[in-house]
């Protein structure tokens, strides 16, 4: 994460080719709140390499699936990740993946 002297915050996330530039105060607040949680930053770190489902993320972080689901919802609402559903051994799995490689916030 880097803040330049021109009022731009850039966050680089690995393994994605898209980028987004955010200027609206409402979206900046959602993103900053989402990034303020260590757990949510760890989730972003884990899904950089490959998309993961809620149960695998929960196991990796030694947390409950309910907690991880709530954290993923906040990341999704902030527009940082995208989720899809697929069939699993015990029902439907929610798969999370990074939405962008680079996030630029202009203020």
PDB file of N, CA and C in Angstrom:
ATOM      1  N   UNK A   1       0.841  -1.151   0.000  1.00  0.00           N
ATOM      2  CA  UNK A   1       0.000   0.000   0.000  1.00  0.00           C
ATOM      3  C   UNK A   1       0.899   1.230   0.000  1.00  0.00           C
ATOM      4  N   UNK A   2       0.565   2.197  -0.820  1.00  0.00           N
ATOM      5  CA  UNK A   2       1.407   3.376  -0.933  1.00  0.00           C
ATOM      6  C   UNK A   2       0.538   4.611  -1.152  1.00  0.00           C
ATOM      7  N   UNK A   3       0.805   5.667  -0.398  1.00  0.00           N
ATOM      8  CA  UNK A   3       0.097   6.931  -0.591  1.00  0.00           C
ATOM      9  C   UNK A   3       1.070   7.922  -1.198  1.00  0.00           C
ATOM     10  N   UNK A   4       0.705   8.450  -2.350  1.00  0.00           N
ATOM     11  CA  UNK A   4       1.577   9.409  -3.018  1.00  0.00           C
ATOM     12  C   UNK A   4       1.266  10.815  -2.519  1.00  0.00           C
ATOM     13  N   UNK A   5       2.094  11.770  -2.893  1.00  0.00           N
ATOM     14  CA  UNK A   5       1.886  13.155  -2.497  1.00  0.00           C
ATOM     15  C   UNK A   5       0.733  13.798  -3.242  1.00  0.00           C
ATOM     16  N   UNK A   6       0.226  13.146  -4.266  1.00  0.00           N
ATOM     17  CA  UNK A   6      -0.886  13.698  -5.038  1.00  0.00           C
ATOM     18  C   UNK A   6      -2.236  13.224  -4.526  1.00  0.00           C
ATOM     19  N   UNK A   7      -2.287  12.575  -3.367  1.00  0.00           N
ATOM     20  CA  UNK A   7      -3.553  12.127  -2.814  1.00  0.00           C
ATOM     21  C   UNK A   7      -4.072  10.856  -3.446  1.00  0.00           C
ATOM     22  N   UNK A   8      -3.194   9.950  -3.794  1.00  0.00           N
ATOM     23  CA  UNK A   8      -3.602   8.685  -4.399  1.00  0.00           C
ATOM     24  C   UNK A   8      -3.072   7.547  -3.542  1.00  0.00           C
ATOM     25  N   UNK A   9      -3.955   6.641  -3.178  1.00  0.00           N
ATOM     26  CA  UNK A   9      -3.588   5.435  -2.438  1.00  0.00           C
ATOM     27  C   UNK A   9      -3.665   4.273  -3.413  1.00  0.00           C
ATOM     28  N   UNK A  10      -2.580   3.524  -3.554  1.00  0.00           N
ATOM     29  CA  UNK A  10      -2.571   2.376  -4.449  1.00  0.00           C
ATOM     30  C   UNK A  10      -2.350   1.105  -3.653  1.00  0.00           C
ATOM     31  N   UNK A  11      -3.162   0.093  -3.939  1.00  0.00           N
ATOM     32  CA  UNK A  11      -3.040  -1.213  -3.316  1.00  0.00           C
ATOM     33  C   UNK A  11      -2.870  -2.220  -4.448  1.00  0.00           C
ATOM     34  N   UNK A  12      -1.761  -2.938  -4.456  1.00  0.00           N
ATOM     35  CA  UNK A  12      -1.514  -3.957  -5.479  1.00  0.00           C
ATOM     36  C   UNK A  12      -1.829  -5.331  -4.915  1.00  0.00           C
ATOM     37  N   UNK A  13      -2.631  -6.083  -5.658  1.00  0.00           N
ATOM     38  CA  UNK A  13      -2.955  -7.447  -5.284  1.00  0.00           C
ATOM     39  C   UNK A  13      -2.473  -8.355  -6.410  1.00  0.00           C
ATOM     40  N   UNK A  14      -1.883  -9.460  -6.076  1.00  0.00           N
ATOM     41  CA  UNK A  14      -1.236 -10.351  -7.032  1.00  0.00           C
ATOM     42  C   UNK A  14      -2.235 -11.082  -7.927  1.00  0.00           C
ATOM     43  N   UNK A  15      -1.739 -11.536  -9.082  1.00  0.00           N
ATOM     44  CA  UNK A  15      -2.380 -12.536  -9.929  1.00  0.00           C
ATOM     45  C   UNK A  15      -3.701 -12.138 -10.570  1.00  0.00           C
ATOM     46  N   UNK A  16      -3.972 -10.883 -10.726  1.00  0.00           N
ATOM     47  CA  UNK A  16      -5.168 -10.458 -11.458  1.00  0.00           C
ATOM     48  C   UNK A  16      -4.740  -9.398 -12.456  1.00  0.00           C
ATOM     49  N   UNK A  17      -5.471  -9.301 -13.555  1.00  0.00           N
ATOM     50  CA  UNK A  17      -5.060  -8.367 -14.599  1.00  0.00           C
ATOM     51  C   UNK A  17      -5.877  -7.079 -14.604  1.00  0.00           C
ATOM     52  N   UNK A  18      -7.020  -7.054 -13.927  1.00  0.00           N
ATOM     53  CA  UNK A  18      -7.847  -5.863 -13.938  1.00  0.00           C
ATOM     54  C   UNK A  18      -7.392  -4.863 -12.874  1.00  0.00           C
ATOM     55  N   UNK A  19      -7.805  -3.622 -13.071  1.00  0.00           N
ATOM     56  CA  UNK A  19      -7.551  -2.608 -12.055  1.00  0.00           C
ATOM     57  C   UNK A  19      -8.791  -1.727 -11.943  1.00  0.00           C
ATOM     58  N   UNK A  20      -8.889  -1.000 -10.841  1.00  0.00           N
ATOM     59  CA  UNK A  20     -10.004  -0.100 -10.628  1.00  0.00           C
ATOM     60  C   UNK A  20      -9.472   1.167  -9.969  1.00  0.00           C
ATOM     61  N   UNK A  21     -10.072   2.276 -10.327  1.00  0.00           N
ATOM     62  CA  UNK A  21      -9.761   3.558  -9.706  1.00  0.00           C
ATOM     63  C   UNK A  21     -11.038   4.043  -9.029  1.00  0.00           C
ATOM     64  N   UNK A  22     -10.942   4.358  -7.747  1.00  0.00           N
ATOM     65  CA  UNK A  22     -12.111   4.743  -6.964  1.00  0.00           C
ATOM     66  C   UNK A  22     -11.978   6.194  -6.534  1.00  0.00           C
ATOM     67  N   UNK A  23     -13.040   6.955  -6.757  1.00  0.00           N
ATOM     68  CA  UNK A  23     -13.023   8.356  -6.364  1.00  0.00           C
ATOM     69  C   UNK A  23     -14.206   8.745  -5.483  1.00  0.00           C
ATOM     70  N   UNK A  24     -15.294   7.982  -5.490  1.00  0.00           N
ATOM     71  CA  UNK A  24     -16.475   8.368  -4.721  1.00  0.00           C
ATOM     72  C   UNK A  24     -16.220   8.151  -3.230  1.00  0.00           C
ATOM     73  N   UNK A  25     -16.631   9.126  -2.430  1.00  0.00           N
ATOM     74  CA  UNK A  25     -16.427   9.046  -0.981  1.00  0.00           C
ATOM     75  C   UNK A  25     -17.078   7.801  -0.394  1.00  0.00           C
ATOM     76  N   UNK A  26     -18.272   7.457  -0.855  1.00  0.00           N
ATOM     77  CA  UNK A  26     -18.980   6.297  -0.320  1.00  0.00           C
ATOM     78  C   UNK A  26     -18.195   5.009  -0.565  1.00  0.00           C
ATOM     79  N   UNK A  27     -17.691   4.840  -1.771  1.00  0.00           N
ATOM     80  CA  UNK A  27     -16.948   3.618  -2.070  1.00  0.00           C
ATOM     81  C   UNK A  27     -15.595   3.603  -1.362  1.00  0.00           C
ATOM     82  N   UNK A  28     -14.946   4.753  -1.263  1.00  0.00           N
ATOM     83  CA  UNK A  28     -13.674   4.827  -0.528  1.00  0.00           C
ATOM     84  C   UNK A  28     -13.883   4.390   0.922  1.00  0.00           C
ATOM     85  N   UNK A  29     -14.960   4.867   1.561  1.00  0.00           N
ATOM     86  CA  UNK A  29     -15.235   4.503   2.947  1.00  0.00           C
ATOM     87  C   UNK A  29     -15.467   3.005   3.097  1.00  0.00           C
ATOM     88  N   UNK A  30     -16.206   2.394   2.164  1.00  0.00           N
ATOM     89  CA  UNK A  30     -16.435   0.948   2.226  1.00  0.00           C
ATOM     90  C   UNK A  30     -15.132   0.176   2.104  1.00  0.00           C
ATOM     91  N   UNK A  31     -14.280   0.606   1.180  1.00  0.00           N
ATOM     92  CA  UNK A  31     -13.014  -0.089   0.955  1.00  0.00           C
ATOM     93  C   UNK A  31     -12.090   0.063   2.150  1.00  0.00           C
ATOM     94  N   UNK A  32     -11.978   1.271   2.658  1.00  0.00           N
ATOM     95  CA  UNK A  32     -11.093   1.511   3.805  1.00  0.00           C
ATOM     96  C   UNK A  32     -11.575   0.719   5.022  1.00  0.00           C
ATOM     97  N   UNK A  33     -12.886   0.692   5.249  1.00  0.00           N
ATOM     98  CA  UNK A  33     -13.420  -0.104   6.363  1.00  0.00           C
ATOM     99  C   UNK A  33     -13.125  -1.582   6.152  1.00  0.00           C
ATOM    100  N   UNK A  34     -13.279  -2.059   4.922  1.00  0.00           N
ATOM    101  CA  UNK A  34     -13.002  -3.472   4.636  1.00  0.00           C
ATOM    102  C   UNK A  34     -11.535  -3.789   4.879  1.00  0.00           C
ATOM    103  N   UNK A  35     -10.638  -2.891   4.504  1.00  0.00           N
ATOM    104  CA  UNK A  35      -9.202  -3.124   4.672  1.00  0.00           C
ATOM    105  C   UNK A  35      -8.725  -2.890   6.102  1.00  0.00           C
ATOM    106  N   UNK A  36      -9.570  -2.309   6.952  1.00  0.00           N
ATOM    107  CA  UNK A  36      -9.163  -2.015   8.325  1.00  0.00           C
ATOM    108  C   UNK A  36      -9.113  -3.265   9.209  1.00  0.00           C
ATOM    109  N   UNK A  37      -9.689  -4.351   8.747  1.00  0.00           N
ATOM    110  CA  UNK A  37      -9.711  -5.579   9.533  1.00  0.00           C
ATOM    111  C   UNK A  37      -8.555  -6.495   9.131  1.00  0.00           C
ATOM    112  N   UNK A  38      -7.790  -6.930  10.114  1.00  0.00           N
ATOM    113  CA  UNK A  38      -6.687  -7.858   9.841  1.00  0.00           C
ATOM    114  C   UNK A  38      -7.210  -9.162   9.243  1.00  0.00           C
ATOM    115  N   UNK A  39      -8.343  -9.639   9.756  1.00  0.00           N
ATOM    116  CA  UNK A  39      -8.932 -10.878   9.224  1.00  0.00           C
ATOM    117  C   UNK A  39      -9.273 -10.734   7.753  1.00  0.00           C
ATOM    118  N   UNK A  40      -9.877  -9.613   7.376  1.00  0.00           N
ATOM    119  CA  UNK A  40     -10.237  -9.412   5.971  1.00  0.00           C
ATOM    120  C   UNK A  40      -8.989  -9.288   5.092  1.00  0.00           C
ATOM    121  N   UNK A  41      -7.936  -8.651   5.619  1.00  0.00           N
ATOM    122  CA  UNK A  41      -6.686  -8.577   4.844  1.00  0.00           C
ATOM    123  C   UNK A  41      -6.072  -9.963   4.679  1.00  0.00           C
ATOM    124  N   UNK A  42      -6.173 -10.803   5.707  1.00  0.00           N
ATOM    125  CA  UNK A  42      -5.675 -12.178   5.602  1.00  0.00           C
ATOM    126  C   UNK A  42      -6.476 -12.970   4.561  1.00  0.00           C
ATOM    127  N   UNK A  43      -7.770 -12.762   4.531  1.00  0.00           N
ATOM    128  CA  UNK A  43      -8.593 -13.432   3.519  1.00  0.00           C
ATOM    129  C   UNK A  43      -8.128 -13.025   2.127  1.00  0.00           C
ATOM    130  N   UNK A  44      -7.903 -11.739   1.914  1.00  0.00           N
ATOM    131  CA  UNK A  44      -7.402 -11.269   0.613  1.00  0.00           C
ATOM    132  C   UNK A  44      -6.070 -11.930   0.280  1.00  0.00           C
ATOM    133  N   UNK A  45      -5.231 -12.061   1.286  1.00  0.00           N
ATOM    134  CA  UNK A  45      -3.933 -12.709   1.081  1.00  0.00           C
ATOM    135  C   UNK A  45      -4.114 -14.170   0.650  1.00  0.00           C
ATOM    136  N   UNK A  46      -4.983 -14.892   1.334  1.00  0.00           N
ATOM    137  CA  UNK A  46      -5.185 -16.310   1.022  1.00  0.00           C
ATOM    138  C   UNK A  46      -5.767 -16.528  -0.365  1.00  0.00           C
ATOM    139  N   UNK A  47      -6.647 -15.647  -0.818  1.00  0.00           N
ATOM    140  CA  UNK A  47      -7.280 -15.875  -2.121  1.00  0.00           C
ATOM    141  C   UNK A  47      -6.498 -15.255  -3.273  1.00  0.00           C
ATOM    142  N   UNK A  48      -5.328 -14.686  -2.989  1.00  0.00           N
ATOM    143  CA  UNK A  48      -4.481 -14.151  -4.064  1.00  0.00           C
ATOM    144  C   UNK A  48      -4.013 -15.256  -4.994  1.00  0.00           C
ATOM    145  N   UNK A  49      -3.581 -16.361  -4.437  1.00  0.00           N
ATOM    146  CA  UNK A  49      -3.019 -17.455  -5.226  1.00  0.00           C
ATOM    147  C   UNK A  49      -4.077 -18.165  -6.053  1.00  0.00           C
ATOM    148  N   UNK A  50      -5.203 -18.445  -5.418  1.00  0.00           N
ATOM    149  CA  UNK A  50      -6.290 -19.141  -6.101  1.00  0.00           C
ATOM    150  C   UNK A  50      -7.582 -18.907  -5.324  1.00  0.00           C
ATOM    151  N   UNK A  51      -8.718 -18.988  -6.003  1.00  0.00           N
ATOM    152  CA  UNK A  51     -10.001 -18.845  -5.305  1.00  0.00           C
ATOM    153  C   UNK A  51     -10.142 -19.930  -4.243  1.00  0.00           C
ATOM    154  N   UNK A  52     -10.815 -19.584  -3.150  1.00  0.00           N
ATOM    155  CA  UNK A  52     -11.005 -20.541  -2.053  1.00  0.00           C
ATOM    156  C   UNK A  52     -12.438 -20.479  -1.577  1.00  0.00           C
ATOM    157  N   UNK A  53     -12.904 -21.604  -1.007  1.00  0.00           N
ATOM    158  CA  UNK A  53     -14.244 -21.600  -0.432  1.00  0.00           C
ATOM    159  C   UNK A  53     -14.172 -21.232   1.048  1.00  0.00           C
ATOM    160  N   UNK A  54     -15.330 -20.909   1.593  1.00  0.00           N
ATOM    161  CA  UNK A  54     -15.426 -20.433   2.977  1.00  0.00           C
ATOM    162  C   UNK A  54     -14.812 -21.428   3.961  1.00  0.00           C
ATOM    163  N   UNK A  55     -15.099 -22.716   3.790  1.00  0.00           N
ATOM    164  CA  UNK A  55     -14.593 -23.699   4.761  1.00  0.00           C
ATOM    165  C   UNK A  55     -13.072 -23.800   4.722  1.00  0.00           C
ATOM    166  N   UNK A  56     -12.462 -23.711   3.559  1.00  0.00           N
ATOM    167  CA  UNK A  56     -10.997 -23.752   3.467  1.00  0.00           C
ATOM    168  C   UNK A  56     -10.360 -22.505   4.060  1.00  0.00           C
ATOM    169  N   UNK A  57     -10.979 -21.346   3.824  1.00  0.00           N
ATOM    170  CA  UNK A  57     -10.463 -20.105   4.423  1.00  0.00           C
ATOM    171  C   UNK A  57     -10.572 -20.188   5.940  1.00  0.00           C
ATOM    172  N   UNK A  58     -11.720 -20.643   6.431  1.00  0.00           N
ATOM    173  CA  UNK A  58     -11.932 -20.768   7.880  1.00  0.00           C
ATOM    174  C   UNK A  58     -10.907 -21.704   8.502  1.00  0.00           C
ATOM    175  N   UNK A  59     -10.652 -22.820   7.849  1.00  0.00           N
ATOM    176  CA  UNK A  59      -9.658 -23.772   8.370  1.00  0.00           C
ATOM    177  C   UNK A  59      -8.260 -23.160   8.364  1.00  0.00           C
ATOM    178  N   UNK A  60      -7.926 -22.434   7.313  1.00  0.00           N
ATOM    179  CA  UNK A  60      -6.603 -21.801   7.221  1.00  0.00           C
ATOM    180  C   UNK A  60      -6.387 -20.763   8.305  1.00  0.00           C
ATOM    181  N   UNK A  61      -7.452 -20.075   8.688  1.00  0.00           N
ATOM    182  CA  UNK A  61      -7.347 -19.009   9.692  1.00  0.00           C
ATOM    183  C   UNK A  61      -7.767 -19.462  11.093  1.00  0.00           C
ATOM    184  N   UNK A  62      -8.134 -20.725  11.239  1.00  0.00           N
ATOM    185  CA  UNK A  62      -8.614 -21.272  12.517  1.00  0.00           C
ATOM    186  C   UNK A  62      -9.767 -20.445  13.078  1.00  0.00           C
ATOM    187  N   UNK A  63     -10.732 -20.169  12.215  1.00  0.00           N
ATOM    188  CA  UNK A  63     -11.918 -19.400  12.597  1.00  0.00           C
ATOM    189  C   UNK A  63     -13.167 -20.152  12.150  1.00  0.00           C
ATOM    190  N   UNK A  64     -14.313 -19.713  12.642  1.00  0.00           N
ATOM    191  CA  UNK A  64     -15.557 -20.367  12.261  1.00  0.00           C
ATOM    192  C   UNK A  64     -15.966 -19.953  10.848  1.00  0.00           C
ATOM    193  N   UNK A  65     -16.710 -20.823  10.197  1.00  0.00           N
ATOM    194  CA  UNK A  65     -17.219 -20.509   8.863  1.00  0.00           C
ATOM    195  C   UNK A  65     -18.181 -19.328   8.912  1.00  0.00           C
ATOM    196  N   UNK A  66     -18.940 -19.206   9.998  1.00  0.00           N
ATOM    197  CA  UNK A  66     -19.873 -18.081  10.140  1.00  0.00           C
ATOM    198  C   UNK A  66     -19.122 -16.754  10.167  1.00  0.00           C
ATOM    199  N   UNK A  67     -18.019 -16.704  10.907  1.00  0.00           N
ATOM    200  CA  UNK A  67     -17.214 -15.481  10.972  1.00  0.00           C
ATOM    201  C   UNK A  67     -16.617 -15.162   9.603  1.00  0.00           C
ATOM    202  N   UNK A  68     -16.066 -16.157   8.937  1.00  0.00           N
ATOM    203  CA  UNK A  68     -15.462 -15.927   7.627  1.00  0.00           C
ATOM    204  C   UNK A  68     -16.519 -15.488   6.628  1.00  0.00           C
ATOM    205  N   UNK A  69     -17.696 -16.075   6.677  1.00  0.00           N
ATOM    206  CA  UNK A  69     -18.786 -15.662   5.782  1.00  0.00           C
ATOM    207  C   UNK A  69     -19.136 -14.193   5.976  1.00  0.00           C
ATOM    208  N   UNK A  70     -19.182 -13.757   7.224  1.00  0.00           N
ATOM    209  CA  UNK A  70     -19.482 -12.351   7.513  1.00  0.00           C
ATOM    210  C   UNK A  70     -18.376 -11.433   6.976  1.00  0.00           C
ATOM    211  N   UNK A  71     -17.125 -11.855   7.122  1.00  0.00           N
ATOM    212  CA  UNK A  71     -16.002 -11.051   6.634  1.00  0.00           C
ATOM    213  C   UNK A  71     -15.995 -11.000   5.103  1.00  0.00           C
ATOM    214  N   UNK A  72     -16.297 -12.120   4.471  1.00  0.00           N
ATOM    215  CA  UNK A  72     -16.352 -12.175   3.009  1.00  0.00           C
ATOM    216  C   UNK A  72     -17.457 -11.265   2.486  1.00  0.00           C
ATOM    217  N   UNK A  73     -18.580 -11.239   3.190  1.00  0.00           N
ATOM    218  CA  UNK A  73     -19.688 -10.367   2.785  1.00  0.00           C
ATOM    219  C   UNK A  73     -19.237  -8.905   2.756  1.00  0.00           C
ATOM    220  N   UNK A  74     -18.463  -8.482   3.753  1.00  0.00           N
ATOM    221  CA  UNK A  74     -17.974  -7.103   3.798  1.00  0.00           C
ATOM    222  C   UNK A  74     -16.995  -6.823   2.665  1.00  0.00           C
ATOM    223  N   UNK A  75     -16.127  -7.779   2.360  1.00  0.00           N
ATOM    224  CA  UNK A  75     -15.193  -7.612   1.236  1.00  0.00           C
ATOM    225  C   UNK A  75     -15.938  -7.545  -0.086  1.00  0.00           C
ATOM    226  N   UNK A  76     -16.984  -8.340  -0.202  1.00  0.00           N
ATOM    227  CA  UNK A  76     -17.794  -8.356  -1.423  1.00  0.00           C
ATOM    228  C   UNK A  76     -18.558  -7.036  -1.571  1.00  0.00           C
ATOM    229  N   UNK A  77     -19.125  -6.539  -0.478  1.00  0.00           N
ATOM    230  CA  UNK A  77     -19.852  -5.267  -0.506  1.00  0.00           C
ATOM    231  C   UNK A  77     -18.930  -4.105  -0.856  1.00  0.00           C
ATOM    232  N   UNK A  78     -17.673  -4.203  -0.458  1.00  0.00           N
ATOM    233  CA  UNK A  78     -16.696  -3.162  -0.772  1.00  0.00           C
ATOM    234  C   UNK A  78     -16.213  -3.258  -2.219  1.00  0.00           C
ATOM    235  N   UNK A  79     -16.554  -4.340  -2.894  1.00  0.00           N
ATOM    236  CA  UNK A  79     -16.166  -4.512  -4.284  1.00  0.00           C
ATOM    237  C   UNK A  79     -14.755  -5.042  -4.477  1.00  0.00           C
ATOM    238  N   UNK A  80     -14.172  -5.606  -3.432  1.00  0.00           N
ATOM    239  CA  UNK A  80     -12.800  -6.109  -3.518  1.00  0.00           C
ATOM    240  C   UNK A  80     -12.714  -7.553  -3.998  1.00  0.00           C
ATOM    241  N   UNK A  81     -13.776  -8.316  -3.775  1.00  0.00           N
ATOM    242  CA  UNK A  81     -13.788  -9.710  -4.204  1.00  0.00           C
ATOM    243  C   UNK A  81     -15.100 -10.003  -4.927  1.00  0.00           C
ATOM    244  N   UNK A  82     -15.110 -11.114  -5.592  1.00  0.00           N
ATOM    245  CA  UNK A  82     -16.327 -11.624  -6.205  1.00  0.00           C
ATOM    246  C   UNK A  82     -16.506 -13.063  -5.742  1.00  0.00           C
ATOM    247  N   UNK A  83     -17.753 -13.493  -5.621  1.00  0.00           N
ATOM    248  CA  UNK A  83     -18.037 -14.844  -5.142  1.00  0.00           C
ATOM    249  C   UNK A  83     -18.951 -15.565  -6.123  1.00  0.00           C
ATOM    250  N   UNK A  84     -18.772 -16.868  -6.167  1.00  0.00           N
ATOM    251  CA  UNK A  84     -19.644 -17.718  -6.972  1.00  0.00           C
ATOM    252  C   UNK A  84     -19.946 -18.964  -6.157  1.00  0.00           C
ATOM    253  N   UNK A  85     -20.899 -19.720  -6.618  1.00  0.00           N
ATOM    254  CA  UNK A  85     -21.313 -20.921  -5.899  1.00  0.00           C
ATOM    255  C   UNK A  85     -21.103 -22.146  -6.778  1.00  0.00           C
ATOM    256  N   UNK A  86     -20.661 -23.234  -6.157  1.00  0.00           N
ATOM    257  CA  UNK A  86     -20.510 -24.491  -6.888  1.00  0.00           C
ATOM    258  C   UNK A  86     -20.885 -25.647  -5.972  1.00  0.00           C
ATOM    259  N   UNK A  87     -21.186 -26.771  -6.573  1.00  0.00           N
ATOM    260  CA  UNK A  87     -21.560 -27.958  -5.801  1.00  0.00           C
ATOM    261  C   UNK A  87     -20.345 -28.493  -5.058  1.00  0.00           C
ATOM    262  N   UNK A  88     -20.590 -28.913  -3.827  1.00  0.00           N
ATOM    263  CA  UNK A  88     -19.527 -29.512  -3.028  1.00  0.00           C
ATOM    264  C   UNK A  88     -19.960 -30.866  -2.512  1.00  0.00           C
ATOM    265  N   UNK A  89     -19.127 -31.496  -1.715  1.00  0.00           N
ATOM    266  CA  UNK A  89     -19.445 -32.804  -1.155  1.00  0.00           C
ATOM    267  C   UNK A  89     -20.628 -32.747  -0.192  1.00  0.00           C
ATOM    268  N   UNK A  90     -20.778 -31.620   0.503  1.00  0.00           N
ATOM    269  CA  UNK A  90     -21.821 -31.489   1.520  1.00  0.00           C
ATOM    270  C   UNK A  90     -22.718 -30.294   1.241  1.00  0.00           C
ATOM    271  N   UNK A  91     -23.065 -30.063  -0.008  1.00  0.00           N
ATOM    272  CA  UNK A  91     -23.932 -28.939  -0.349  1.00  0.00           C
ATOM    273  C   UNK A  91     -23.229 -27.964  -1.264  1.00  0.00           C
ATOM    274  N   UNK A  92     -23.652 -26.728  -1.187  1.00  0.00           N
ATOM    275  CA  UNK A  92     -23.123 -25.676  -2.058  1.00  0.00           C
ATOM    276  C   UNK A  92     -21.950 -24.995  -1.385  1.00  0.00           C
ATOM    277  N   UNK A  93     -20.891 -24.742  -2.156  1.00  0.00           N
ATOM    278  CA  UNK A  93     -19.717 -24.035  -1.644  1.00  0.00           C
ATOM    279  C   UNK A  93     -19.683 -22.621  -2.213  1.00  0.00           C
ATOM    280  N   UNK A  94     -19.350 -21.653  -1.364  1.00  0.00           N
ATOM    281  CA  UNK A  94     -19.186 -20.271  -1.801  1.00  0.00           C
ATOM    282  C   UNK A  94     -17.701 -20.047  -2.059  1.00  0.00           C
ATOM    283  N   UNK A  95     -17.357 -19.759  -3.314  1.00  0.00           N
ATOM    284  CA  UNK A  95     -15.969 -19.584  -3.725  1.00  0.00           C
ATOM    285  C   UNK A  95     -15.674 -18.092  -3.853  1.00  0.00           C
ATOM    286  N   UNK A  96     -14.611 -17.631  -3.201  1.00  0.00           N
ATOM    287  CA  UNK A  96     -14.225 -16.214  -3.234  1.00  0.00           C
ATOM    288  C   UNK A  96     -12.955 -16.047  -4.042  1.00  0.00           C
ATOM    289  N   UNK A  97     -12.911 -14.960  -4.829  1.00  0.00           N
ATOM    290  CA  UNK A  97     -11.710 -14.651  -5.617  1.00  0.00           C
ATOM    291  C   UNK A  97     -11.539 -13.135  -5.656  1.00  0.00           C
ATOM    292  N   UNK A  98     -10.272 -12.712  -5.823  1.00  0.00           N
ATOM    293  CA  UNK A  98      -9.988 -11.286  -5.957  1.00  0.00           C
ATOM    294  C   UNK A  98     -10.649 -10.747  -7.209  1.00  0.00           C
ATOM    295  N   UNK A  99     -11.100  -9.517  -7.120  1.00  0.00           N
ATOM    296  CA  UNK A  99     -11.750  -8.894  -8.264  1.00  0.00           C
ATOM    297  C   UNK A  99     -10.768  -8.079  -9.095  1.00  0.00           C
ATOM    298  N   UNK A 100      -9.746  -7.514  -8.446  1.00  0.00           N
ATOM    299  CA  UNK A 100      -8.812  -6.625  -9.131  1.00  0.00           C
ATOM    300  C   UNK A 100      -7.373  -6.885  -8.713  1.00  0.00           C
ATOM    301  N   UNK A 101      -6.456  -6.531  -9.587  1.00  0.00           N
ATOM    302  CA  UNK A 101      -5.036  -6.591  -9.296  1.00  0.00           C
ATOM    303  C   UNK A 101      -4.594  -5.312  -8.604  1.00  0.00           C
ATOM    304  N   UNK A 102      -5.092  -4.211  -9.057  1.00  0.00           N
ATOM    305  CA  UNK A 102      -4.674  -2.911  -8.514  1.00  0.00           C
ATOM    306  C   UNK A 102      -5.902  -2.080  -8.184  1.00  0.00           C
ATOM    307  N   UNK A 103      -5.864  -1.488  -7.028  1.00  0.00           N
ATOM    308  CA  UNK A 103      -6.915  -0.584  -6.564  1.00  0.00           C
ATOM    309  C   UNK A 103      -6.278   0.772  -6.347  1.00  0.00           C
ATOM    310  N   UNK A 104      -6.788   1.782  -7.012  1.00  0.00           N
ATOM    311  CA  UNK A 104      -6.293   3.137  -6.839  1.00  0.00           C
ATOM    312  C   UNK A 104      -7.419   3.981  -6.252  1.00  0.00           C
ATOM    313  N   UNK A 105      -7.146   4.632  -5.131  1.00  0.00           N
ATOM    314  CA  UNK A 105      -8.124   5.497  -4.486  1.00  0.00           C
ATOM    315  C   UNK A 105      -7.628   6.924  -4.611  1.00  0.00           C
ATOM    316  N   UNK A 106      -8.446   7.771  -5.228  1.00  0.00           N
ATOM    317  CA  UNK A 106      -8.089   9.177  -5.393  1.00  0.00           C
ATOM    318  C   UNK A 106      -8.908  10.007  -4.419  1.00  0.00           C
ATOM    319  N   UNK A 107      -8.218  10.872  -3.679  1.00  0.00           N
ATOM    320  CA  UNK A 107      -8.915  11.741  -2.748  1.00  0.00           C
ATOM    321  C   UNK A 107      -8.343  13.133  -2.753  1.00  0.00           C
TER     322      UNK A 107
END
